[in-house]
Amino acid sequence: MDHIADNTPIIIGVGQYAERLDDPGYRALCPMDLAGEALAAAMADCQSADDVGAAIDTVAAIRQFEISTPVAKAPFGGSHNVPRSIARRVGANPDRAILEIVGGQGPQKLVGELAQDIFEGRSSCATIVGAEAISTMLALQARDERADWSEAVQGSLDDRGYGMKGLIDTPLIAHGVGAPIAGYALLENARRARLGRGLEDYRSDIGRLFAPFTDVAAANPYAAAPIACSASELARVTERNRIVAEPYTRLTVARDQVNQGAAILIASAGKARALGIAEDRWVHIHGVCDAKEASVLSRAELNVSQAAIASVRGALDIAGITLDDLAYIDLYSCFAIAVFNLTDALDLAPDDPRGLTLTGGLPFFGGPGNNYSAHAIAEAVQRLRADREAYAMIGANGGIMSKYATGIYSCRPADWSAKSRWTSLPDEPPAITVVDEHHGHATIESYTFLPRRTGDRGVIVARTATGERLVAMADPDHPATLERLAEGDAIGQNVSVQPGGDGRSLFRFL
């Protein structure tokens, strides 16, 4: 492209902000303040002499964890209008204020959506911004201290709701495995069984995958846990590195106790020129593709998200490149299976010399709620400005491998006039029938063992003789069943299942 059209959407600025409890000058900022700092950093990153804040016509905010479910409660209160609370901290008064649905795919998906809005003339300058202050919140609660983070801000708000339709399996919730750690453990053990790996060997696989991530986190000033670890340190079960849900040790799961914020500024090329933003700050959006998977229990294979795979392939196809053309990659890494799902399907080696993270990954850099991928995009932008012919890919996951959005970026110009560079794929359809209760025999398809101070629990996903899926928990009146499940070789074994009341089923080994 000899001339970049005025309506071409480009990233003009990115910003991050973080504080740790032991940092000098730690300020115990609330989420809105953290997000405001990140947005201010993104505005400064534009290197414009004009007022970038006044040019922002759209603010899309990412939901904090404490407002991500209908039953969640913000212990210190919060804003009634999150995007406008953040906007006012930088002097912005946008025409549109959006509160996005739940899920780590949000920041990456919004890049595509808002870029399309800019290309079609509905916006000229938009920002995606979010933050979490979970570490500060927990520290204050541990000291029995109170804070007031409530805000009342006037103005319109496009609250898109939680976005959970079609994602939740009531049997998982009834059996206490609806939360991410336990849910992902079910997927992880299904993959382990497919590969025929024992528990210790598989933990070593996870350790080898994530050890290079810790090296990246150790060099990242925004990381929540900037400490390099060896593969054996990550895999070894110790008092400090206990099992949280088999096969996961504590060090290998997403770290949500963080104080982190990130923001992305997108503008039309015409607006960037009007603001005096030099072209060497511009990063182009070559392709964004988002997709939605069937619920955990109704997808064809427990250990595979076809939607995530299709999202990556779709974004690469839109950009007109292949995996081999990428110089920088960040795959969402809340749990190992989210990375393995893609390395397995795309012939991408877990030890690819390019690395699979730009931040250090969610267990080590940190998992700031739904906003992690905004940090990954910010890291990609900085690398691309220094490596102008290169391409970067960001993969963003939501739910329990339920939603995925992928973005391709480069300083090479992207011609939006030739084709749409953002697409949303049709939802993956349910493939398996799920039953709430079952009475009779079944075969274990996956499981997780959950050590608890109040008593260990074991939960299985199983298939009936006619192929339906069900969830059941180890019969508490039959200790031998729980003991056998803890040994780690239960998949493929037959069990007897019966209703246990309260929407739950109980199982015993035959």
Foldseek 3Di string as FASTA:
>chain_A
DVDADQLQKWFQFKFKDFDAPPDVVDDLDAWLVRQLRGVVRRVVLLVFPDQVQQQAQEEEEEDFPQPQDPPRHDQQAAEPQRRVSNSVSSPHDHNAGEYDAFWLQPVQQVVQVVSVCSNVVVGFKYKYKTWHQQLSVVVCVVVVHHDHHYDYDDDDYHYPYHPCPQADDVLCVLQPQQDQVSLLQQLLLLVCVVVVHFLLVVLLVLLVLQQVLLCLQLPFPLANANHHDHSCVLSDDDPQQHDAKPPHTLLAAFAQNTTMMMMIMMGGNNVSVVSVRDLLSIKHWQAKEKAFEGYQQQAPGNLEGVRLQVQVVRLCVSNVHAPVQALAAEFAPNHPSSVVNNCVVRVNDSVHVSGHRQNSHRSIRHDRGSHVQSVRVNSVSVVQSVVQVHKYKYWTTTRNSTMIMMTIMHSPYHDCVVDRRYDYDDYHDGHAAEDLFDFFKWFFSGKMWGDDPVDIKIKTWTADPVGHIYIAIADPVDVVQNVVVVSRPRHGFMWGWHDDDSSHIHIGGD
